[in-house]
Amino acid sequence: MRLLLASLLLVACGGGVPIAEPPTVEDAAEQAQFALANDLQAYCGAVSISPRLAVTARHCLRGDSVVRYAVPDRDWFAFGEAWSVAEDLDRDLAIISLDEPRPIWLPVQVLRPARAGDRVRNRAGWTTVLDANRWVRIGGGTVAISIETEAPARPGTSGTALIDRFGSLVGVCRGFDLESERGDYIPAAAIAELWAELETKP
């Protein structure tokens, strides 16, 4: 009798209803990112950090006040517009505001910054952090801290995400080293700082 009652309670409480699986890190990596595009030609990436905000490399804005973006939509793409709301010239970083909210975004990981030896995911797949405190010289001559990965980055991957094994954003691609072609990523701490400055604006 007790076994029958327990079984009935299990069914009544939804024990027989399948629970949706949470998205994998790979799913999050794909669904939180989208392309900046011009005339159907993708030239950079961006990654959502909230429903309406995304982060990219500042040079991806190309000096435009408004940029167009494209996200996969079934068998084609949906297009939208975004505009810069915060920029850090010294670190080649920009936060953009989207005209439409995005359903998936990545938390910015600042509690545990990327470290040498960490396994992380970029656009090409899983790789390893070689140096999490590498000093690099940005275009105008300023020097900034960068995360260097073992895997190479390619032209067009600026603005794409570097994600840890928990699905959090630990960096955004700034470019790659011309000699080694290894990826060069802006650390999450810089993204958090720029975001905090944006939040304090009137």
N, C-alpha and C. Protein backbone atom coordinates (compact mmCIF):
# COMPACT_ATOMS: atom_id res chain seq x y z
N MET A 1 0.83 -1.20 0.00
CA MET A 1 0.00 0.00 0.00
C MET A 1 0.87 1.26 0.00
N ARG A 2 1.91 1.23 0.87
CA ARG A 2 2.80 2.39 0.92
C ARG A 2 3.52 2.59 -0.41
N LEU A 3 3.92 1.48 -1.06
CA LEU A 3 4.60 1.57 -2.34
C LEU A 3 3.67 2.18 -3.39
N LEU A 4 2.40 1.77 -3.40
CA LEU A 4 1.43 2.30 -4.34
C LEU A 4 1.21 3.80 -4.10
N LEU A 5 1.10 4.20 -2.83
CA LEU A 5 0.90 5.60 -2.50
C LEU A 5 2.10 6.43 -2.94
N ALA A 6 3.32 5.90 -2.71
CA ALA A 6 4.53 6.61 -3.11
C ALA A 6 4.57 6.77 -4.63
N SER A 7 4.16 5.74 -5.35
CA SER A 7 4.16 5.81 -6.81
C SER A 7 3.17 6.85 -7.31
N LEU A 8 1.98 6.90 -6.68
CA LEU A 8 0.97 7.88 -7.07
C LEU A 8 1.46 9.30 -6.81
N LEU A 9 2.11 9.50 -5.66
CA LEU A 9 2.65 10.81 -5.33
C LEU A 9 3.72 11.23 -6.33
N LEU A 10 4.56 10.26 -6.74
CA LEU A 10 5.63 10.55 -7.70
C LEU A 10 5.03 11.04 -9.02
N VAL A 11 3.96 10.36 -9.47
CA VAL A 11 3.30 10.76 -10.71
C VAL A 11 2.62 12.11 -10.54
N ALA A 12 1.95 12.30 -9.40
CA ALA A 12 1.24 13.55 -9.15
C ALA A 12 2.19 14.74 -9.08
N CYS A 13 3.41 14.49 -8.59
CA CYS A 13 4.39 15.57 -8.47
C CYS A 13 5.20 15.77 -9.75
N GLY A 14 4.84 15.06 -10.80
CA GLY A 14 5.52 15.27 -12.07
C GLY A 14 6.75 14.40 -12.25
N GLY A 15 6.84 13.32 -11.50
CA GLY A 15 8.01 12.45 -11.61
C GLY A 15 8.17 11.84 -12.98
N GLY A 16 7.07 11.70 -13.73
CA GLY A 16 7.16 11.09 -15.05
C GLY A 16 7.36 12.10 -16.16
N VAL A 17 7.47 13.41 -15.83
CA VAL A 17 7.63 14.44 -16.84
C VAL A 17 9.12 14.70 -17.07
N PRO A 18 9.61 14.56 -18.29
CA PRO A 18 11.05 14.79 -18.54
C PRO A 18 11.43 16.24 -18.30
N ILE A 19 12.60 16.44 -17.72
CA ILE A 19 13.12 17.78 -17.45
C ILE A 19 14.09 18.15 -18.56
N ALA A 20 13.95 19.37 -19.08
CA ALA A 20 14.83 19.81 -20.17
C ALA A 20 16.27 19.89 -19.68
N GLU A 21 17.18 19.43 -20.49
CA GLU A 21 18.59 19.49 -20.15
C GLU A 21 19.09 20.92 -20.23
N PRO A 22 19.94 21.35 -19.29
CA PRO A 22 20.51 22.70 -19.38
C PRO A 22 21.44 22.78 -20.59
N PRO A 23 21.61 23.96 -21.14
CA PRO A 23 22.49 24.08 -22.31
C PRO A 23 23.93 23.75 -21.94
N THR A 24 24.65 23.13 -22.85
CA THR A 24 26.05 22.84 -22.61
C THR A 24 26.88 24.11 -22.82
N VAL A 25 28.15 24.04 -22.43
CA VAL A 25 29.05 25.16 -22.66
C VAL A 25 29.12 25.46 -24.15
N GLU A 26 29.15 24.40 -24.95
CA GLU A 26 29.21 24.60 -26.40
C GLU A 26 27.96 25.32 -26.91
N ASP A 27 26.79 24.93 -26.39
CA ASP A 27 25.55 25.60 -26.78
C ASP A 27 25.60 27.09 -26.43
N ALA A 28 26.01 27.37 -25.19
CA ALA A 28 26.09 28.76 -24.73
C ALA A 28 27.06 29.56 -25.59
N ALA A 29 28.19 28.93 -25.91
CA ALA A 29 29.20 29.61 -26.72
C ALA A 29 28.64 30.01 -28.08
N GLU A 30 27.82 29.15 -28.66
CA GLU A 30 27.25 29.45 -29.97
C GLU A 30 26.10 30.44 -29.89
N GLN A 31 25.19 30.23 -28.94
CA GLN A 31 23.95 30.99 -28.92
C GLN A 31 24.12 32.41 -28.37
N ALA A 32 25.18 32.65 -27.60
CA ALA A 32 25.38 33.99 -27.04
C ALA A 32 26.18 34.88 -27.99
N GLN A 33 26.70 34.31 -29.07
CA GLN A 33 27.53 35.08 -29.98
C GLN A 33 26.81 35.33 -31.31
N PHE A 34 27.21 36.39 -31.97
CA PHE A 34 26.65 36.72 -33.27
C PHE A 34 27.68 37.52 -34.06
N ALA A 35 27.38 37.75 -35.31
CA ALA A 35 28.34 38.40 -36.21
C ALA A 35 27.98 39.86 -36.44
N LEU A 36 29.01 40.69 -36.52
CA LEU A 36 28.84 42.04 -37.06
C LEU A 36 29.05 41.91 -38.56
N ALA A 37 28.11 42.42 -39.33
CA ALA A 37 28.12 42.16 -40.77
C ALA A 37 27.85 43.42 -41.56
N ASN A 38 28.41 43.44 -42.75
CA ASN A 38 28.22 44.56 -43.67
C ASN A 38 27.93 43.98 -45.05
N ASP A 39 26.73 44.25 -45.58
CA ASP A 39 26.34 43.69 -46.89
C ASP A 39 26.49 42.18 -46.92
N LEU A 40 25.95 41.52 -45.88
CA LEU A 40 25.96 40.06 -45.74
C LEU A 40 27.35 39.48 -45.56
N GLN A 41 28.34 40.32 -45.32
CA GLN A 41 29.71 39.87 -45.11
C GLN A 41 30.09 40.07 -43.65
N ALA A 42 30.28 38.97 -42.91
CA ALA A 42 30.67 39.06 -41.50
C ALA A 42 32.13 39.48 -41.42
N TYR A 43 32.45 40.42 -40.56
CA TYR A 43 33.83 40.88 -40.43
C TYR A 43 34.34 40.85 -38.99
N CYS A 44 33.45 40.70 -38.01
CA CYS A 44 33.82 40.63 -36.60
C CYS A 44 32.72 39.89 -35.86
N GLY A 45 32.96 39.63 -34.58
CA GLY A 45 31.94 39.02 -33.75
C GLY A 45 31.60 39.90 -32.57
N ALA A 46 30.59 39.49 -31.82
CA ALA A 46 30.21 40.14 -30.58
C ALA A 46 29.57 39.08 -29.70
N VAL A 47 29.57 39.32 -28.39
CA VAL A 47 28.99 38.35 -27.46
C VAL A 47 28.09 39.08 -26.48
N SER A 48 26.89 38.53 -26.29
CA SER A 48 25.90 39.13 -25.40
C SER A 48 26.30 38.94 -23.94
N ILE A 49 26.19 40.02 -23.16
CA ILE A 49 26.45 39.94 -21.72
C ILE A 49 25.20 40.30 -20.91
N SER A 50 24.14 40.68 -21.58
CA SER A 50 22.83 40.91 -20.99
C SER A 50 21.84 40.88 -22.15
N PRO A 51 20.52 40.91 -21.88
CA PRO A 51 19.59 40.85 -23.01
C PRO A 51 19.80 41.94 -24.05
N ARG A 52 20.21 43.13 -23.64
CA ARG A 52 20.33 44.25 -24.58
C ARG A 52 21.76 44.71 -24.82
N LEU A 53 22.73 44.18 -24.08
CA LEU A 53 24.11 44.64 -24.23
C LEU A 53 25.02 43.51 -24.72
N ALA A 54 25.98 43.89 -25.53
CA ALA A 54 26.98 42.94 -26.01
C ALA A 54 28.34 43.63 -25.98
N VAL A 55 29.38 42.83 -26.02
CA VAL A 55 30.74 43.37 -26.00
C VAL A 55 31.47 42.90 -27.24
N THR A 56 32.36 43.76 -27.74
CA THR A 56 33.16 43.45 -28.92
C THR A 56 34.47 44.22 -28.82
N ALA A 57 35.36 43.98 -29.76
CA ALA A 57 36.58 44.78 -29.85
C ALA A 57 36.21 46.14 -30.44
N ARG A 58 36.80 47.20 -29.92
CA ARG A 58 36.42 48.54 -30.36
C ARG A 58 36.73 48.76 -31.85
N HIS A 59 37.84 48.18 -32.33
CA HIS A 59 38.17 48.40 -33.74
C HIS A 59 37.12 47.80 -34.68
N CYS A 60 36.26 46.90 -34.15
CA CYS A 60 35.20 46.33 -34.97
C CYS A 60 34.10 47.34 -35.31
N LEU A 61 34.05 48.44 -34.57
CA LEU A 61 33.03 49.46 -34.86
C LEU A 61 33.37 50.26 -36.10
N ARG A 62 34.65 50.28 -36.48
CA ARG A 62 35.11 50.95 -37.70
C ARG A 62 34.75 52.43 -37.75
N GLY A 63 34.59 53.03 -36.59
CA GLY A 63 34.27 54.44 -36.55
C GLY A 63 32.81 54.76 -36.84
N ASP A 64 31.98 53.74 -37.03
CA ASP A 64 30.56 53.97 -37.33
C ASP A 64 29.76 54.19 -36.05
N SER A 65 28.74 55.03 -36.13
CA SER A 65 27.89 55.26 -34.96
C SER A 65 26.89 54.12 -34.79
N VAL A 66 26.54 53.45 -35.89
CA VAL A 66 25.62 52.31 -35.86
C VAL A 66 26.24 51.17 -36.66
N VAL A 67 26.18 49.96 -36.12
CA VAL A 67 26.68 48.78 -36.84
C VAL A 67 25.53 47.79 -37.01
N ARG A 68 25.60 47.00 -38.05
CA ARG A 68 24.59 45.97 -38.29
C ARG A 68 25.12 44.63 -37.80
N TYR A 69 24.20 43.81 -37.29
CA TYR A 69 24.59 42.48 -36.83
C TYR A 69 23.64 41.44 -37.41
N ALA A 70 24.10 40.18 -37.41
CA ALA A 70 23.30 39.08 -37.95
C ALA A 70 23.33 37.91 -36.97
N VAL A 71 22.17 37.32 -36.69
CA VAL A 71 22.08 36.15 -35.83
C VAL A 71 21.38 35.04 -36.60
N PRO A 72 21.80 33.77 -36.40
CA PRO A 72 21.12 32.66 -37.09
C PRO A 72 19.64 32.63 -36.75
N ASP A 73 18.80 32.40 -37.73
CA ASP A 73 17.35 32.34 -37.55
C ASP A 73 16.79 31.27 -38.47
N ARG A 74 16.68 30.06 -37.93
CA ARG A 74 16.24 28.90 -38.70
C ARG A 74 17.16 28.68 -39.90
N ASP A 75 16.64 28.82 -41.11
CA ASP A 75 17.45 28.55 -42.30
C ASP A 75 18.16 29.78 -42.85
N TRP A 76 18.01 30.94 -42.17
CA TRP A 76 18.63 32.15 -42.67
C TRP A 76 19.13 32.95 -41.48
N PHE A 77 19.16 34.25 -41.59
CA PHE A 77 19.64 35.11 -40.52
C PHE A 77 18.62 36.21 -40.23
N ALA A 78 18.62 36.64 -38.97
CA ALA A 78 17.87 37.84 -38.59
C ALA A 78 18.88 38.96 -38.44
N PHE A 79 18.52 40.14 -38.91
CA PHE A 79 19.44 41.27 -38.88
C PHE A 79 18.93 42.35 -37.93
N GLY A 80 19.88 43.07 -37.35
CA GLY A 80 19.52 44.15 -36.45
C GLY A 80 20.59 45.22 -36.45
N GLU A 81 20.39 46.22 -35.62
CA GLU A 81 21.35 47.31 -35.51
C GLU A 81 21.77 47.49 -34.06
N ALA A 82 23.00 47.95 -33.87
CA ALA A 82 23.54 48.20 -32.54
C ALA A 82 24.36 49.48 -32.59
N TRP A 83 24.53 50.09 -31.43
CA TRP A 83 25.31 51.31 -31.35
C TRP A 83 26.16 51.28 -30.08
N SER A 84 27.28 51.95 -30.14
CA SER A 84 28.22 51.95 -29.03
C SER A 84 27.68 52.80 -27.87
N VAL A 85 27.79 52.24 -26.64
CA VAL A 85 27.38 52.98 -25.45
C VAL A 85 28.54 53.18 -24.48
N ALA A 86 29.63 52.45 -24.68
CA ALA A 86 30.83 52.63 -23.84
C ALA A 86 32.04 52.10 -24.60
N GLU A 87 33.15 52.83 -24.52
CA GLU A 87 34.36 52.42 -25.24
C GLU A 87 35.59 52.62 -24.36
N ASP A 88 36.55 51.74 -24.50
CA ASP A 88 37.85 51.84 -23.84
C ASP A 88 38.91 51.77 -24.94
N LEU A 89 39.40 52.93 -25.34
CA LEU A 89 40.36 53.00 -26.44
C LEU A 89 41.67 52.31 -26.08
N ASP A 90 42.09 52.43 -24.82
CA ASP A 90 43.37 51.87 -24.41
C ASP A 90 43.39 50.35 -24.47
N ARG A 91 42.22 49.73 -24.30
CA ARG A 91 42.17 48.26 -24.31
C ARG A 91 41.42 47.71 -25.51
N ASP A 92 41.04 48.60 -26.45
CA ASP A 92 40.37 48.18 -27.68
C ASP A 92 39.08 47.41 -27.37
N LEU A 93 38.24 48.01 -26.53
CA LEU A 93 37.05 47.34 -26.03
C LEU A 93 35.84 48.25 -26.21
N ALA A 94 34.69 47.67 -26.53
CA ALA A 94 33.46 48.45 -26.67
C ALA A 94 32.27 47.64 -26.20
N ILE A 95 31.32 48.32 -25.59
CA ILE A 95 30.02 47.72 -25.25
C ILE A 95 28.99 48.36 -26.16
N ILE A 96 28.18 47.51 -26.79
CA ILE A 96 27.18 48.00 -27.73
C ILE A 96 25.78 47.65 -27.22
N SER A 97 24.83 48.50 -27.58
CA SER A 97 23.43 48.29 -27.22
C SER A 97 22.69 47.76 -28.44
N LEU A 98 21.86 46.74 -28.24
CA LEU A 98 21.16 46.08 -29.34
C LEU A 98 19.73 46.58 -29.47
N ASP A 99 19.24 46.63 -30.69
CA ASP A 99 17.87 47.09 -30.91
C ASP A 99 16.83 46.06 -30.49
N GLU A 100 17.22 44.79 -30.39
CA GLU A 100 16.32 43.73 -29.96
C GLU A 100 17.00 42.89 -28.88
N PRO A 101 16.26 42.45 -27.86
CA PRO A 101 16.88 41.64 -26.80
C PRO A 101 17.29 40.26 -27.31
N ARG A 102 18.35 39.73 -26.74
CA ARG A 102 18.85 38.39 -27.09
C ARG A 102 18.46 37.40 -25.99
N PRO A 103 18.06 36.18 -26.33
CA PRO A 103 17.58 35.23 -25.32
C PRO A 103 18.69 34.58 -24.50
N ILE A 104 19.92 34.54 -25.04
CA ILE A 104 21.04 33.88 -24.36
C ILE A 104 22.17 34.88 -24.21
N TRP A 105 22.73 34.96 -23.01
CA TRP A 105 23.91 35.79 -22.79
C TRP A 105 24.82 35.11 -21.78
N LEU A 106 26.06 35.54 -21.73
CA LEU A 106 27.06 34.90 -20.86
C LEU A 106 27.38 35.77 -19.66
N PRO A 107 27.48 35.18 -18.47
CA PRO A 107 27.94 35.94 -17.31
C PRO A 107 29.42 36.28 -17.45
N VAL A 108 29.79 37.47 -17.03
CA VAL A 108 31.19 37.91 -17.09
C VAL A 108 31.90 37.41 -15.84
N GLN A 109 32.90 36.57 -16.01
CA GLN A 109 33.59 35.93 -14.89
C GLN A 109 34.72 36.82 -14.37
N VAL A 110 34.50 37.43 -13.23
CA VAL A 110 35.54 38.27 -12.63
C VAL A 110 36.04 37.69 -11.31
N LEU A 111 35.27 36.77 -10.71
CA LEU A 111 35.68 36.20 -9.42
C LEU A 111 36.88 35.28 -9.57
N ARG A 112 36.95 34.57 -10.69
CA ARG A 112 38.10 33.71 -10.95
C ARG A 112 38.64 34.01 -12.34
N PRO A 113 39.56 34.95 -12.46
CA PRO A 113 40.11 35.27 -13.79
C PRO A 113 40.80 34.06 -14.41
N ALA A 114 40.92 34.08 -15.72
CA ALA A 114 41.63 33.02 -16.43
C ALA A 114 43.07 32.93 -15.94
N ARG A 115 43.58 31.71 -15.86
CA ARG A 115 44.95 31.47 -15.43
C ARG A 115 45.67 30.58 -16.44
N ALA A 116 46.97 30.67 -16.45
CA ALA A 116 47.76 29.82 -17.33
C ALA A 116 47.44 28.36 -17.04
N GLY A 117 47.21 27.58 -18.08
CA GLY A 117 46.88 26.17 -17.93
C GLY A 117 45.40 25.87 -17.97
N ASP A 118 44.54 26.90 -17.84
CA ASP A 118 43.09 26.69 -17.89
C ASP A 118 42.66 26.20 -19.27
N ARG A 119 41.68 25.31 -19.28
CA ARG A 119 41.04 24.92 -20.54
C ARG A 119 39.91 25.90 -20.81
N VAL A 120 39.91 26.47 -21.98
CA VAL A 120 38.93 27.48 -22.37
C VAL A 120 38.46 27.19 -23.79
N ARG A 121 37.36 27.83 -24.15
CA ARG A 121 36.81 27.62 -25.50
C ARG A 121 36.76 28.93 -26.26
N ASN A 122 37.29 28.89 -27.48
CA ASN A 122 37.16 30.04 -28.38
C ASN A 122 36.36 29.60 -29.60
N ARG A 123 36.34 30.38 -30.66
CA ARG A 123 35.52 30.03 -31.82
C ARG A 123 35.95 28.74 -32.49
N ALA A 124 37.22 28.38 -32.33
CA ALA A 124 37.72 27.16 -32.98
C ALA A 124 37.48 25.91 -32.14
N GLY A 125 37.19 26.06 -30.87
CA GLY A 125 37.01 24.91 -30.00
C GLY A 125 37.78 25.07 -28.69
N TRP A 126 38.04 23.96 -28.03
CA TRP A 126 38.74 23.99 -26.75
C TRP A 126 40.23 24.17 -26.94
N THR A 127 40.82 24.99 -26.08
CA THR A 127 42.25 25.26 -26.13
C THR A 127 42.74 25.54 -24.71
N THR A 128 43.99 25.95 -24.59
CA THR A 128 44.61 26.17 -23.27
C THR A 128 45.14 27.60 -23.18
N VAL A 129 44.99 28.21 -21.99
CA VAL A 129 45.57 29.52 -21.74
C VAL A 129 47.07 29.35 -21.52
N LEU A 130 47.86 30.05 -22.33
CA LEU A 130 49.32 30.00 -22.16
C LEU A 130 49.79 31.06 -21.18
N ASP A 131 49.22 32.26 -21.28
CA ASP A 131 49.63 33.38 -20.43
C ASP A 131 48.41 34.26 -20.18
N ALA A 132 48.04 34.43 -18.91
CA ALA A 132 46.87 35.24 -18.56
C ALA A 132 47.24 36.67 -18.20
N ASN A 133 48.52 36.99 -18.18
CA ASN A 133 48.97 38.33 -17.83
C ASN A 133 50.03 38.82 -18.82
N ARG A 134 49.74 38.66 -20.08
CA ARG A 134 50.69 39.05 -21.12
C ARG A 134 50.50 40.52 -21.46
N TRP A 135 51.58 41.25 -21.51
CA TRP A 135 51.51 42.66 -21.88
C TRP A 135 51.62 42.78 -23.38
N VAL A 136 50.66 43.49 -23.97
CA VAL A 136 50.67 43.69 -25.43
C VAL A 136 50.54 45.17 -25.72
N ARG A 137 51.05 45.56 -26.88
CA ARG A 137 50.96 46.96 -27.31
C ARG A 137 49.80 47.10 -28.29
N ILE A 138 48.86 47.99 -27.96
CA ILE A 138 47.69 48.23 -28.80
C ILE A 138 48.08 49.23 -29.89
N GLY A 139 47.27 49.33 -30.93
CA GLY A 139 47.57 50.14 -32.10
C GLY A 139 48.18 51.50 -31.83
N GLY A 140 47.60 52.28 -30.92
CA GLY A 140 48.09 53.62 -30.68
C GLY A 140 49.33 53.70 -29.83
N GLY A 141 49.84 52.56 -29.38
CA GLY A 141 51.05 52.55 -28.57
C GLY A 141 50.81 52.26 -27.11
N THR A 142 49.53 52.25 -26.66
CA THR A 142 49.26 51.94 -25.26
C THR A 142 49.52 50.45 -25.00
N VAL A 143 49.78 50.13 -23.76
CA VAL A 143 50.07 48.75 -23.37
C VAL A 143 48.95 48.25 -22.48
N ALA A 144 48.49 47.01 -22.71
CA ALA A 144 47.39 46.46 -21.93
C ALA A 144 47.66 44.99 -21.64
N ILE A 145 47.03 44.49 -20.58
CA ILE A 145 47.14 43.07 -20.23
C ILE A 145 46.25 42.27 -21.16
N SER A 146 46.73 41.11 -21.55
CA SER A 146 46.01 40.27 -22.49
C SER A 146 46.10 38.81 -22.04
N ILE A 147 45.13 38.02 -22.49
CA ILE A 147 45.16 36.56 -22.30
C ILE A 147 45.61 35.95 -23.63
N GLU A 148 46.64 35.13 -23.57
CA GLU A 148 47.13 34.46 -24.78
C GLU A 148 46.75 33.00 -24.74
N THR A 149 46.17 32.50 -25.82
CA THR A 149 45.78 31.10 -25.89
C THR A 149 46.70 30.31 -26.81
N GLU A 150 46.71 29.02 -26.60
CA GLU A 150 47.54 28.14 -27.43
C GLU A 150 47.04 28.09 -28.86
N ALA A 151 45.72 28.02 -29.03
CA ALA A 151 45.14 27.93 -30.37
C ALA A 151 45.24 29.27 -31.09
N PRO A 152 45.41 29.24 -32.39
CA PRO A 152 45.47 30.50 -33.14
C PRO A 152 44.11 31.15 -33.27
N ALA A 153 44.12 32.44 -33.50
CA ALA A 153 42.90 33.17 -33.88
C ALA A 153 43.06 33.55 -35.35
N ARG A 154 41.98 33.81 -35.99
CA ARG A 154 41.99 34.10 -37.41
C ARG A 154 41.38 35.47 -37.68
N PRO A 155 41.67 36.08 -38.82
CA PRO A 155 40.99 37.33 -39.18
C PRO A 155 39.48 37.13 -39.15
N GLY A 156 38.78 38.09 -38.57
CA GLY A 156 37.33 37.99 -38.46
C GLY A 156 36.85 37.50 -37.11
N THR A 157 37.78 37.03 -36.25
CA THR A 157 37.35 36.53 -34.94
C THR A 157 37.44 37.59 -33.85
N SER A 158 37.86 38.81 -34.19
CA SER A 158 37.85 39.88 -33.19
C SER A 158 36.44 40.06 -32.67
N GLY A 159 36.32 40.23 -31.35
CA GLY A 159 35.02 40.41 -30.72
C GLY A 159 34.34 39.13 -30.29
N THR A 160 34.92 37.98 -30.62
CA THR A 160 34.31 36.71 -30.21
C THR A 160 34.76 36.33 -28.80
N ALA A 161 34.06 35.35 -28.22
CA ALA A 161 34.20 35.04 -26.80
C ALA A 161 35.29 34.01 -26.50
N LEU A 162 35.87 34.17 -25.32
CA LEU A 162 36.70 33.14 -24.70
C LEU A 162 35.95 32.73 -23.44
N ILE A 163 35.57 31.44 -23.37
CA ILE A 163 34.66 30.95 -22.34
C ILE A 163 35.33 29.88 -21.50
N ASP A 164 35.09 29.91 -20.18
CA ASP A 164 35.66 28.88 -19.33
C ASP A 164 34.78 27.62 -19.35
N ARG A 165 35.18 26.60 -18.63
CA ARG A 165 34.47 25.32 -18.70
C ARG A 165 33.10 25.35 -18.04
N PHE A 166 32.79 26.45 -17.33
CA PHE A 166 31.47 26.59 -16.71
C PHE A 166 30.53 27.44 -17.57
N GLY A 167 31.01 27.91 -18.71
CA GLY A 167 30.17 28.70 -19.59
C GLY A 167 30.17 30.18 -19.30
N SER A 168 31.16 30.67 -18.56
CA SER A 168 31.26 32.10 -18.26
C SER A 168 32.27 32.76 -19.19
N LEU A 169 32.07 34.04 -19.42
CA LEU A 169 32.94 34.80 -20.31
C LEU A 169 34.20 35.23 -19.56
N VAL A 170 35.37 34.79 -20.03
CA VAL A 170 36.63 35.18 -19.39
C VAL A 170 37.45 36.13 -20.26
N GLY A 171 37.03 36.33 -21.51
CA GLY A 171 37.76 37.24 -22.38
C GLY A 171 37.06 37.44 -23.71
N VAL A 172 37.47 38.47 -24.41
CA VAL A 172 36.94 38.77 -25.75
C VAL A 172 38.12 38.97 -26.69
N CYS A 173 38.05 38.37 -27.86
CA CYS A 173 39.17 38.40 -28.79
C CYS A 173 39.47 39.82 -29.29
N ARG A 174 40.73 40.21 -29.15
CA ARG A 174 41.20 41.49 -29.66
C ARG A 174 41.89 41.30 -31.01
N GLY A 175 42.42 40.10 -31.22
CA GLY A 175 43.16 39.80 -32.45
C GLY A 175 44.08 38.63 -32.21
N PHE A 176 45.23 38.66 -32.85
CA PHE A 176 46.19 37.57 -32.68
C PHE A 176 47.59 38.10 -32.90
N ASP A 177 48.55 37.39 -32.34
CA ASP A 177 49.94 37.73 -32.49
C ASP A 177 50.37 37.46 -33.94
N LEU A 178 50.98 38.43 -34.58
CA LEU A 178 51.32 38.29 -36.00
C LEU A 178 52.34 37.20 -36.26
N GLU A 179 53.22 36.94 -35.30
CA GLU A 179 54.25 35.92 -35.50
C GLU A 179 53.72 34.52 -35.19
N SER A 180 53.13 34.34 -34.02
CA SER A 180 52.68 33.01 -33.60
C SER A 180 51.25 32.71 -34.03
N GLU A 181 50.47 33.75 -34.34
CA GLU A 181 49.04 33.66 -34.66
C GLU A 181 48.20 33.20 -33.48
N ARG A 182 48.78 33.17 -32.27
CA ARG A 182 48.01 32.78 -31.10
C ARG A 182 47.02 33.87 -30.73
N GLY A 183 45.86 33.43 -30.20
CA GLY A 183 44.80 34.36 -29.87
C GLY A 183 45.18 35.33 -28.77
N ASP A 184 44.69 36.56 -28.89
CA ASP A 184 44.94 37.64 -27.94
C ASP A 184 43.57 38.13 -27.45
N TYR A 185 43.31 37.99 -26.14
CA TYR A 185 41.97 38.25 -25.59
C TYR A 185 42.01 39.31 -24.49
N ILE A 186 41.01 40.20 -24.53
CA ILE A 186 40.83 41.21 -23.50
C ILE A 186 40.23 40.51 -22.28
N PRO A 187 40.83 40.63 -21.10
CA PRO A 187 40.32 39.91 -19.92
C PRO A 187 38.94 40.40 -19.47
N ALA A 188 38.21 39.53 -18.80
CA ALA A 188 36.87 39.85 -18.32
C ALA A 188 36.87 41.02 -17.36
N ALA A 189 37.96 41.19 -16.59
CA ALA A 189 38.02 42.30 -15.63
C ALA A 189 37.86 43.64 -16.34
N ALA A 190 38.45 43.78 -17.53
CA ALA A 190 38.33 45.02 -18.29
C ALA A 190 36.89 45.23 -18.75
N ILE A 191 36.22 44.14 -19.13
CA ILE A 191 34.82 44.24 -19.54
C ILE A 191 33.97 44.69 -18.36
N ALA A 192 34.21 44.10 -17.19
CA ALA A 192 33.44 44.45 -16.00
C ALA A 192 33.65 45.91 -15.61
N GLU A 193 34.88 46.39 -15.75
CA GLU A 193 35.17 47.79 -15.41
C GLU A 193 34.42 48.74 -16.34
N LEU A 194 34.45 48.45 -17.63
CA LEU A 194 33.76 49.32 -18.58
C LEU A 194 32.26 49.28 -18.37
N TRP A 195 31.73 48.12 -18.07
CA TRP A 195 30.30 47.95 -17.81
C TRP A 195 29.90 48.75 -16.57
N ALA A 196 30.74 48.69 -15.52
CA ALA A 196 30.45 49.43 -14.29
C ALA A 196 30.43 50.94 -14.56
N GLU A 197 31.36 51.41 -15.41
CA GLU A 197 31.37 52.83 -15.77
C GLU A 197 30.10 53.21 -16.52
N LEU A 198 29.64 52.32 -17.38
CA LEU A 198 28.40 52.57 -18.13
C LEU A 198 27.22 52.68 -17.19
N GLU A 199 27.18 51.82 -16.15
CA GLU A 199 26.05 51.81 -15.22
C GLU A 199 25.99 53.11 -14.40
N THR A 200 27.13 53.78 -14.24
CA THR A 200 27.13 55.02 -13.43
C THR A 200 26.83 56.26 -14.26
N LYS A 201 26.73 56.09 -15.59
CA LYS A 201 26.41 57.25 -16.43
C LYS A 201 24.96 57.69 -16.19
N PRO A 202 24.71 59.00 -16.20
CA PRO A 202 23.33 59.48 -16.00
C PRO A 202 22.41 59.10 -17.15
